[in-house]
Protein backbone atom coordinates (compact mmCIF):
# COMPACT_ATOMS: atom_id res chain seq x y z
CA MET A 1 -26.34 21.49 17.18
CA THR A 2 -24.27 22.04 14.03
CA THR A 3 -23.97 19.43 11.29
CA GLU A 4 -20.39 18.74 12.35
CA GLN A 5 -21.51 18.18 15.94
CA GLN A 6 -24.26 15.82 14.76
CA LEU A 7 -21.77 13.77 12.76
CA ASP A 8 -19.33 13.68 15.66
CA ALA A 9 -22.06 12.66 18.11
CA TRP A 10 -23.20 9.77 15.89
CA ILE A 11 -19.62 8.50 15.55
CA ASP A 12 -19.07 8.73 19.32
CA ALA A 13 -22.32 6.84 19.99
CA HIS A 14 -21.35 4.05 17.57
CA PHE A 15 -17.62 3.95 18.22
CA ASP A 16 -17.64 0.71 20.22
CA GLU A 17 -19.39 -0.89 17.24
CA GLU A 18 -16.72 0.49 14.90
CA VAL A 19 -13.97 -1.00 17.04
CA ARG A 20 -15.67 -4.41 17.09
CA PHE A 21 -16.00 -4.21 13.28
CA LEU A 22 -12.26 -3.54 12.97
CA GLN A 23 -11.48 -6.43 15.32
CA GLU A 24 -13.45 -8.78 13.08
CA LEU A 25 -11.54 -7.55 10.03
CA VAL A 26 -8.19 -8.14 11.74
CA ARG A 27 -9.15 -11.66 12.85
CA VAL A 28 -9.37 -12.96 9.26
CA PRO A 29 -5.75 -13.24 7.98
CA THR A 30 -4.87 -11.77 4.60
CA ASP A 31 -1.15 -12.46 4.47
CA THR A 32 0.19 -11.51 1.05
CA PRO A 33 2.04 -13.64 0.12
CA PRO A 34 0.42 -16.11 -0.28
CA GLY A 35 -2.55 -13.85 -1.05
CA ASN A 36 -5.59 -16.05 -0.38
CA ASN A 37 -7.78 -13.02 0.20
CA ALA A 38 -11.24 -13.96 -1.08
CA PRO A 39 -12.31 -15.29 2.37
CA HIS A 40 -11.68 -11.88 3.90
CA ALA A 41 -13.78 -10.19 1.23
CA GLU A 42 -16.64 -12.60 2.00
CA ARG A 43 -16.43 -11.83 5.71
CA THR A 44 -16.19 -8.08 5.08
CA ALA A 45 -19.24 -8.15 2.81
CA GLU A 46 -21.14 -10.07 5.48
CA LEU A 47 -20.24 -7.50 8.16
CA LEU A 48 -21.12 -4.58 5.87
CA ALA A 49 -24.47 -6.14 4.98
CA ALA A 50 -25.34 -6.36 8.68
CA MET A 51 -24.96 -2.56 8.78
CA GLY A 52 -27.12 -2.00 5.72
CA LEU A 53 -24.22 -1.50 3.31
CA THR A 54 -24.58 -3.96 0.43
CA ALA A 55 -21.29 -4.83 -1.24
CA GLU A 56 -20.95 -5.99 -4.83
CA LYS A 57 -18.50 -8.89 -5.02
CA HIS A 58 -16.19 -8.80 -8.01
CA ALA A 59 -14.15 -12.02 -8.12
CA VAL A 60 -11.00 -11.73 -10.24
CA PRO A 61 -10.58 -14.82 -12.50
CA ASP A 62 -8.16 -17.38 -11.10
CA ALA A 63 -5.81 -17.17 -14.07
CA GLU A 64 -5.34 -13.42 -13.62
CA VAL A 65 -4.86 -13.74 -9.87
CA GLN A 66 -2.28 -16.50 -10.24
CA ALA A 67 -0.44 -14.59 -12.96
CA ALA A 68 -0.08 -11.77 -10.43
CA GLY A 69 1.46 -14.21 -7.94
CA LEU A 70 -1.58 -14.45 -5.64
CA GLN A 71 -4.13 -17.16 -4.79
CA SER A 72 -7.60 -15.57 -4.67
CA ILE A 73 -9.08 -12.08 -4.82
CA THR A 74 -12.61 -10.74 -4.59
CA ASN A 75 -12.77 -6.95 -4.71
CA LEU A 76 -15.75 -5.16 -3.17
CA ILE A 77 -17.69 -2.05 -4.19
CA VAL A 78 -20.36 -0.46 -1.99
CA ARG A 79 -22.30 2.15 -3.97
CA ARG A 80 -24.28 4.87 -2.19
CA PRO A 81 -25.88 7.22 -4.75
CA TYR A 82 -27.59 10.35 -3.40
CA GLY A 83 -28.41 12.27 -6.57
CA PRO A 84 -26.78 14.01 -9.55
CA GLY A 85 -23.23 15.16 -8.86
CA LYS A 86 -19.71 13.93 -8.24
CA THR A 87 -18.93 10.44 -6.99
CA ILE A 88 -16.27 10.17 -4.29
CA ALA A 89 -14.51 6.83 -3.92
CA LEU A 90 -13.08 5.70 -0.59
CA ASN A 91 -10.43 3.01 -1.15
CA ALA A 92 -8.89 0.78 1.51
CA HIS A 93 -6.97 -2.43 0.95
CA GLY A 94 -7.47 -5.60 2.93
CA ASP A 95 -4.26 -7.41 1.96
CA VAL A 96 -1.23 -7.13 4.26
CA VAL A 97 2.31 -8.40 4.59
CA PRO A 98 2.75 -11.53 6.78
CA PRO A 99 3.23 -10.71 10.48
CA GLY A 100 6.79 -11.95 10.82
CA GLU A 101 8.56 -12.47 14.15
CA GLY A 102 8.74 -10.52 17.40
CA TRP A 103 5.09 -9.97 18.27
CA THR A 104 4.03 -9.68 21.92
CA HIS A 105 0.34 -9.51 20.91
CA ASP A 106 -1.61 -11.88 18.68
CA PRO A 107 -1.23 -10.42 15.14
CA TYR A 108 -4.77 -11.62 14.37
CA GLY A 109 -6.30 -10.91 17.77
CA GLY A 110 -7.40 -7.29 17.57
CA GLU A 111 -6.40 -7.05 21.23
CA ILE A 112 -7.06 -3.72 22.97
CA VAL A 113 -4.54 -2.53 25.56
CA ASP A 114 -4.23 0.99 27.02
CA GLY A 115 -6.39 2.58 24.33
CA LYS A 116 -4.57 0.89 21.44
CA ILE A 117 -5.73 -1.90 19.14
CA TYR A 118 -3.00 -4.38 18.15
CA GLY A 119 -2.81 -6.59 15.10
CA ARG A 120 -1.60 -6.79 11.52
CA ALA A 121 -3.37 -4.10 9.43
CA THR A 122 -4.75 -2.20 12.42
CA ALA A 123 -2.80 0.83 11.15
CA VAL A 124 -2.51 -0.01 7.43
CA SER A 125 -5.21 -0.39 6.24
CA LYS A 126 -8.07 -2.45 7.64
CA CYS A 127 -8.57 0.47 10.02
CA ASP A 128 -9.79 2.53 7.08
CA ILE A 129 -12.25 -0.08 5.92
CA ALA A 130 -13.73 0.71 9.34
CA SER A 131 -13.29 4.49 9.29
CA PHE A 132 -14.70 4.84 5.76
CA SER A 133 -17.67 2.54 6.46
CA PHE A 134 -18.64 4.39 9.62
CA ALA A 135 -18.08 7.80 8.00
CA ILE A 136 -20.65 6.79 5.34
CA ARG A 137 -23.07 5.63 8.03
CA ALA A 138 -22.62 8.87 9.97
CA LEU A 139 -23.23 10.90 6.82
CA GLU A 140 -26.43 9.02 6.04
CA SER A 141 -27.66 9.33 9.64
CA LEU A 142 -28.28 13.04 8.99
CA GLY A 143 -31.04 12.33 6.48
CA ALA A 144 -29.79 15.44 4.65
CA ARG A 145 -30.25 16.17 0.95
CA LEU A 146 -26.97 15.41 -0.80
CA ALA A 147 -25.67 15.56 -4.36
CA GLY A 148 -23.50 12.92 -6.00
CA GLY A 149 -22.58 9.74 -4.21
CA VAL A 150 -19.99 7.71 -2.36
CA GLU A 151 -18.37 4.40 -3.28
CA LEU A 152 -16.44 2.25 -0.84
CA HIS A 153 -13.78 0.18 -2.60
CA VAL A 154 -12.21 -2.68 -0.64
CA THR A 155 -9.43 -4.19 -2.74
CA TYR A 156 -6.85 -6.90 -2.12
CA ASP A 157 -3.73 -6.32 -4.19
CA GLU A 158 -1.95 -3.31 -2.72
CA GLU A 159 1.07 -5.29 -1.54
CA TYR A 160 1.63 -6.65 -5.07
CA GLY A 161 1.00 -3.39 -6.91
CA GLY A 162 -2.75 -3.09 -7.42
CA GLU A 163 -3.05 -4.55 -10.93
CA VAL A 164 -5.76 -7.02 -9.88
CA GLY A 165 -7.15 -4.66 -7.25
CA PRO A 166 -8.21 -1.11 -8.16
CA ASP A 167 -6.61 -1.28 -11.60
CA TRP A 168 -8.74 -4.32 -12.44
CA LEU A 169 -11.93 -2.56 -11.30
CA LEU A 170 -11.10 0.55 -13.32
CA ARG A 171 -10.05 -1.32 -16.47
CA LYS A 172 -13.23 -3.38 -16.39
CA GLY A 173 -15.33 -0.21 -16.23
CA LEU A 174 -16.83 -1.28 -12.91
CA THR A 175 -16.16 2.14 -11.41
CA LYS A 176 -15.16 5.61 -12.53
CA PRO A 177 -15.34 8.05 -9.61
CA ASP A 178 -14.67 11.77 -9.91
CA LEU A 179 -12.58 12.04 -6.75
CA MET A 180 -11.06 9.57 -4.32
CA ILE A 181 -9.68 9.29 -0.81
CA ALA A 182 -7.41 6.33 -0.11
CA ALA A 183 -6.47 4.74 3.18
CA GLY A 184 -3.96 6.84 5.10
CA PHE A 185 -1.29 6.21 7.68
CA SER A 186 -0.61 9.55 9.40
CA TYR A 187 -2.23 12.83 10.41
CA GLN A 188 -1.07 14.38 7.14
CA VAL A 189 -3.01 14.52 3.90
CA VAL A 190 -0.72 12.94 1.32
CA VAL A 191 -0.86 14.28 -2.23
CA ALA A 192 2.15 12.52 -3.81
CA HIS A 193 4.27 9.45 -3.25
CA ASN A 194 7.34 7.69 -4.59
CA GLY A 195 7.28 5.14 -7.35
CA CYS A 196 8.81 1.69 -7.01
CA LEU A 197 10.64 -0.57 -9.43
CA GLN A 198 11.37 -4.13 -8.35
CA LEU A 199 13.72 -6.41 -10.28
CA GLU A 200 14.57 -10.07 -9.87
CA VAL A 201 18.20 -10.78 -10.73
CA THR A 202 19.35 -14.38 -11.20
CA VAL A 203 23.10 -14.90 -11.13
CA HIS A 204 24.24 -18.15 -12.77
CA GLY A 205 27.67 -19.59 -11.91
CA ASP A 206 28.99 -23.13 -12.07
CA MET A 207 28.19 -25.43 -9.13
CA ALA A 208 31.15 -27.38 -7.70
CA HIS A 209 32.29 -29.38 -4.66
CA ALA A 210 33.35 -27.12 -1.80
CA ALA A 211 36.58 -29.13 -1.44
CA ILE A 212 37.57 -28.09 -4.99
CA PRO A 213 36.25 -24.51 -5.22
CA ASP A 214 38.31 -23.58 -8.28
CA SER A 215 36.54 -26.28 -10.31
CA GLY A 216 33.45 -24.09 -10.55
CA THR A 217 32.32 -20.47 -10.45
CA ASP A 218 30.76 -19.23 -7.21
CA ALA A 219 27.49 -17.52 -8.09
CA LEU A 220 27.36 -15.95 -4.63
CA GLN A 221 30.73 -14.27 -5.15
CA GLY A 222 29.43 -12.99 -8.46
CA ALA A 223 26.24 -11.80 -6.81
CA THR A 224 28.28 -10.03 -4.12
CA HIS A 225 30.23 -8.21 -6.82
CA ILE A 226 26.92 -7.07 -8.35
CA LEU A 227 25.54 -6.12 -4.93
CA ASN A 228 28.52 -3.86 -4.27
CA ALA A 229 27.91 -2.07 -7.57
CA LEU A 230 24.21 -1.65 -6.80
CA TYR A 231 24.65 -0.37 -3.27
CA ALA A 232 27.29 2.09 -4.48
CA LEU A 233 24.51 3.81 -6.44
CA ASN A 234 22.91 5.02 -3.19
CA THR A 235 25.76 7.52 -2.78
CA ASP A 236 24.77 9.14 -6.07
CA TYR A 237 21.07 8.94 -5.24
CA LEU A 238 21.64 11.12 -2.16
CA LYS A 239 22.49 13.98 -4.52
CA VAL A 240 19.15 13.73 -6.39
CA ARG A 241 16.54 15.70 -4.47
CA SER A 242 12.78 15.88 -4.96
CA SER A 243 10.92 19.19 -4.90
CA VAL A 244 7.94 17.51 -3.16
CA GLU A 245 7.80 18.19 0.59
CA GLY A 246 8.05 14.92 2.51
CA ILE A 247 9.99 13.14 -0.24
CA THR A 248 13.77 13.30 -0.17
CA HIS A 249 15.80 11.25 -2.66
CA PRO A 250 15.79 7.94 -4.56
CA TYR A 251 17.23 4.86 -2.88
CA LEU A 252 17.86 1.19 -3.53
CA ASN A 253 17.46 -1.84 -1.31
CA VAL A 254 18.03 -5.56 -1.84
CA GLY A 255 15.22 -7.16 0.13
CA GLN A 256 15.74 -10.85 -0.58
CA ILE A 257 18.68 -13.13 -1.41
CA SER A 258 18.38 -16.87 -1.98
CA GLY A 259 20.45 -19.61 -3.59
CA GLY A 260 22.77 -22.53 -3.18
CA THR A 261 21.97 -26.19 -2.68
CA ASN A 262 23.96 -27.23 0.41
CA THR A 263 26.69 -26.03 2.77
CA ASN A 264 29.36 -28.16 1.11
CA VAL A 265 28.55 -27.06 -2.45
CA ILE A 266 29.77 -23.96 -4.29
CA PRO A 267 26.48 -22.22 -5.21
CA GLY A 268 25.65 -22.37 -8.89
CA LYS A 269 22.72 -19.98 -8.77
CA VAL A 270 21.77 -17.00 -6.56
CA LEU A 271 18.64 -14.89 -6.80
CA LEU A 272 18.44 -11.23 -5.73
CA LYS A 273 15.28 -9.13 -5.41
CA ILE A 274 15.89 -5.41 -5.76
CA ASP A 275 13.60 -2.57 -4.67
CA ARG A 276 14.35 0.84 -6.22
CA ARG A 277 12.28 3.79 -4.93
CA MET A 278 11.77 6.56 -7.48
CA ILE A 279 10.95 10.17 -6.69
CA PRO A 280 8.07 11.71 -8.70
CA GLU A 281 10.47 13.60 -10.97
CA GLU A 282 12.19 10.45 -12.26
CA ASP A 283 11.39 8.60 -15.49
CA PRO A 284 10.78 4.90 -14.66
CA ALA A 285 12.06 3.75 -18.06
CA GLU A 286 15.37 5.58 -17.58
CA VAL A 287 15.70 4.24 -14.04
CA GLU A 288 15.22 0.65 -15.18
CA ALA A 289 17.61 1.01 -18.10
CA SER A 290 20.28 2.47 -15.81
CA LEU A 291 19.91 -0.36 -13.28
CA ARG A 292 20.17 -3.00 -15.98
CA ARG A 293 23.36 -1.34 -17.26
CA THR A 294 24.89 -1.36 -13.79
CA ILE A 295 24.07 -5.06 -13.35
CA GLU A 296 25.39 -6.02 -16.80
CA GLN A 297 28.63 -4.05 -16.33
CA ALA A 298 29.21 -5.54 -12.88
CA ALA A 299 28.63 -9.06 -14.20
CA ALA A 300 31.04 -8.45 -17.08
CA SER A 301 33.75 -7.15 -14.72
CA PHE A 302 33.59 -10.13 -12.33
CA ASN A 303 36.69 -12.29 -12.59
CA PRO A 304 35.96 -16.01 -12.11
CA PRO A 305 38.71 -18.35 -10.83
CA ARG A 306 41.30 -19.54 -13.33
CA GLY A 307 39.57 -21.78 -15.81
CA GLY A 308 36.14 -20.93 -14.43
CA ARG A 309 33.25 -19.81 -16.56
CA ALA A 310 32.01 -16.23 -16.55
CA ILE A 311 28.81 -15.61 -14.62
CA ARG A 312 25.58 -15.15 -16.54
CA VAL A 313 22.79 -12.86 -15.33
CA ASP A 314 19.06 -12.79 -16.06
CA VAL A 315 17.06 -9.69 -15.07
CA LYS A 316 13.28 -9.68 -14.82
CA ARG A 317 10.99 -6.85 -13.79
CA ILE A 318 8.53 -7.99 -11.11
CA LEU A 319 6.87 -4.66 -10.26
CA LEU A 320 6.57 -1.17 -11.67
CA ALA A 321 4.54 1.17 -9.49
CA ARG A 322 4.61 4.69 -10.86
CA ALA A 323 4.75 7.68 -8.54
CA LEU A 324 1.60 9.46 -7.46
CA LYS A 325 1.67 13.02 -8.75
CA PRO A 326 -0.85 15.64 -7.60
CA LEU A 327 -3.67 16.28 -10.09
CA PRO A 328 -5.13 19.82 -10.10
CA GLY A 329 -8.63 18.60 -9.21
CA ASN A 330 -7.59 17.37 -5.77
CA ARG A 331 -7.80 20.83 -4.14
CA PRO A 332 -11.37 20.44 -2.79
CA LEU A 333 -10.31 17.21 -1.07
CA VAL A 334 -7.16 18.74 0.38
CA GLU A 335 -8.88 21.87 1.64
CA ALA A 336 -11.82 20.04 3.22
CA ILE A 337 -9.59 17.52 5.00
CA GLN A 338 -7.23 20.23 6.23
CA LYS A 339 -10.12 22.32 7.57
CA HIS A 340 -11.82 19.50 9.42
CA GLY A 341 -8.56 17.83 10.43
CA GLN A 342 -7.44 20.98 12.18
CA ALA A 343 -10.82 21.32 13.90
CA VAL A 344 -10.89 17.70 15.11
CA PHE A 345 -7.20 17.11 15.87
CA GLY A 346 -6.42 20.63 17.09
CA GLU A 347 -3.38 20.99 14.86
CA ALA A 348 -2.59 22.01 11.30
CA ILE A 349 -2.79 19.17 8.75
CA PRO A 350 -0.02 19.59 6.16
CA ALA A 351 -0.33 18.43 2.55
CA VAL A 352 2.84 16.48 1.77
CA GLY A 353 4.38 13.65 -0.19
CA THR A 354 5.50 10.33 1.25
CA PRO A 355 8.41 8.00 0.36
CA LEU A 356 6.04 5.01 0.44
CA TYR A 357 4.25 3.78 -2.66
CA THR A 358 0.62 2.67 -2.78
CA ASP A 359 -1.99 1.55 -5.29
CA VAL A 360 -3.52 5.05 -5.10
CA ARG A 361 -1.36 6.08 -8.05
CA ILE A 362 -3.56 3.82 -10.21
CA TYR A 363 -6.50 6.16 -9.72
CA GLY A 364 -4.24 9.05 -10.72
CA GLU A 365 -3.13 7.19 -13.85
CA HIS A 366 -6.83 6.90 -14.75
CA GLY A 367 -7.22 10.68 -14.37
CA ILE A 368 -9.01 10.58 -11.01
CA PRO A 369 -7.72 13.22 -8.55
CA GLY A 370 -7.13 11.78 -5.13
CA VAL A 371 -5.40 12.05 -1.79
CA ILE A 372 -4.30 9.67 0.95
CA TYR A 373 -5.95 10.25 4.32
CA GLY A 374 -7.32 8.07 7.07
CA ALA A 375 -6.77 6.62 10.50
CA GLY A 376 -3.16 6.64 11.62
CA PRO A 377 -0.67 8.05 14.11
CA ARG A 378 1.31 11.22 13.59
CA THR A 379 3.88 9.25 11.60
CA VAL A 380 4.06 5.81 10.00
CA ARG A 381 7.00 4.91 12.24
CA GLU A 382 4.86 5.31 15.38
CA SER A 383 2.36 2.68 14.21
CA ASN A 384 4.86 -0.16 13.71
CA ALA A 385 3.23 -0.67 10.31
CA LYS A 386 4.72 -3.76 8.62
CA ARG A 387 6.62 -4.48 11.86
CA ALA A 388 5.88 -6.52 14.98
CA ASP A 389 3.13 -5.19 17.28
CA GLU A 390 1.48 -2.99 14.65
CA HIS A 391 -1.15 -0.94 16.44
CA LEU A 392 -3.44 2.07 16.28
CA GLN A 393 -4.55 4.53 18.93
CA LEU A 394 -8.33 4.21 19.13
CA ASP A 395 -8.63 7.98 19.52
CA ASP A 396 -6.95 8.38 16.13
CA LEU A 397 -9.47 6.00 14.57
CA ARG A 398 -12.35 7.97 16.11
CA ARG A 399 -11.01 11.35 14.99
CA ALA A 400 -10.15 10.25 11.44
CA THR A 401 -13.68 8.87 11.03
CA LYS A 402 -15.05 12.26 12.02
CA VAL A 403 -12.80 14.10 9.56
CA VAL A 404 -13.82 11.83 6.66
CA ALA A 405 -17.53 12.13 7.50
CA ARG A 406 -17.32 15.93 7.69
CA THR A 407 -15.33 16.05 4.43
CA LEU A 408 -17.91 13.93 2.60
CA PHE A 409 -20.71 16.18 3.83
CA ASP A 410 -18.93 19.30 2.55
CA LEU A 411 -18.13 17.83 -0.87
CA LEU A 412 -21.59 16.38 -1.49
CA GLN A 413 -23.59 19.55 -0.96
CA PRO A 414 -26.11 20.39 -3.71
CA ALA A 415 -25.00 23.26 -5.93
């Protein structure tokens, strides 16, 4: 029996255990917001310890967590040293967006129907806490001589940008791997992704009684004028194309609007939250400056009712996630995953970019070459990730675990 067959056989023999592990991870909510995620880390560490994988618990101080807009975070590191050589980090995040409406399965149930597991984070990315953990166990079941080591990083700040997740671990000097694989969401190996700039825009008008609308300045009308100017930018963005396969063009979305005090009151304040996706070739500073100019010019051109005050606008940056750009040292990762992915899945595994953004770019900013790969369907759309009835084909979980285990074995061979 070849080494690959041995790894595959171990994963097949323990796959029911892997599925139960994932179910337990799904059953502890990690909705972010509000971001009370320390309890999940405690449960994950407990489950890992039962498998012989001791996790270091790194609690982020409350003040830093709250400054990031979250409630509690404990990041985990499992270190498995095998000898001199490169250290490969496997990063998966436990935080997820709230489930929202429209589910036909319990979002925290881990229910299995027709070969699929349902629940929030089954596809992104509690599944890869499972696939990475069991890939490490499969690797160690060989009892083979290896060089280097593996670290499993379970972090809890991907949805808010990663500053108190992987960035916190790296800044504190708690880890410095040579290579990294981050939780994936498709059959592809992802080598680049978009950046994201999020701005909070507060439009101030002059509140008034709805029966006398011209006695005030409607902040919502002013906000609508600004929204029209912002959305008009998407026409220009269509003309800006990325050279990275899988990434197309920049785009802008307004994801949240709130304001007003009552139905019979002209709103005096409206808040907009803007999400601007940036292709890898764009300069984030230039993008932000351009957006601020558009907002300021639109506010200045809004005509209030006769005698009304001009609107005033405050703009605050709430997130800057830089794009992930391929680092030259990622080739061994890409080649190993493509080789074993094709063998296990029976189809070519392309290396592409993705329009999503993740906290993986933080490793790249620290000079650590990495890729995104893990359990997922052929495309993100198929998984219902961040939508109702998020799910994962169990066969995809099994096969991705095999690919990661085989890849680790290849990359940790003694020289």
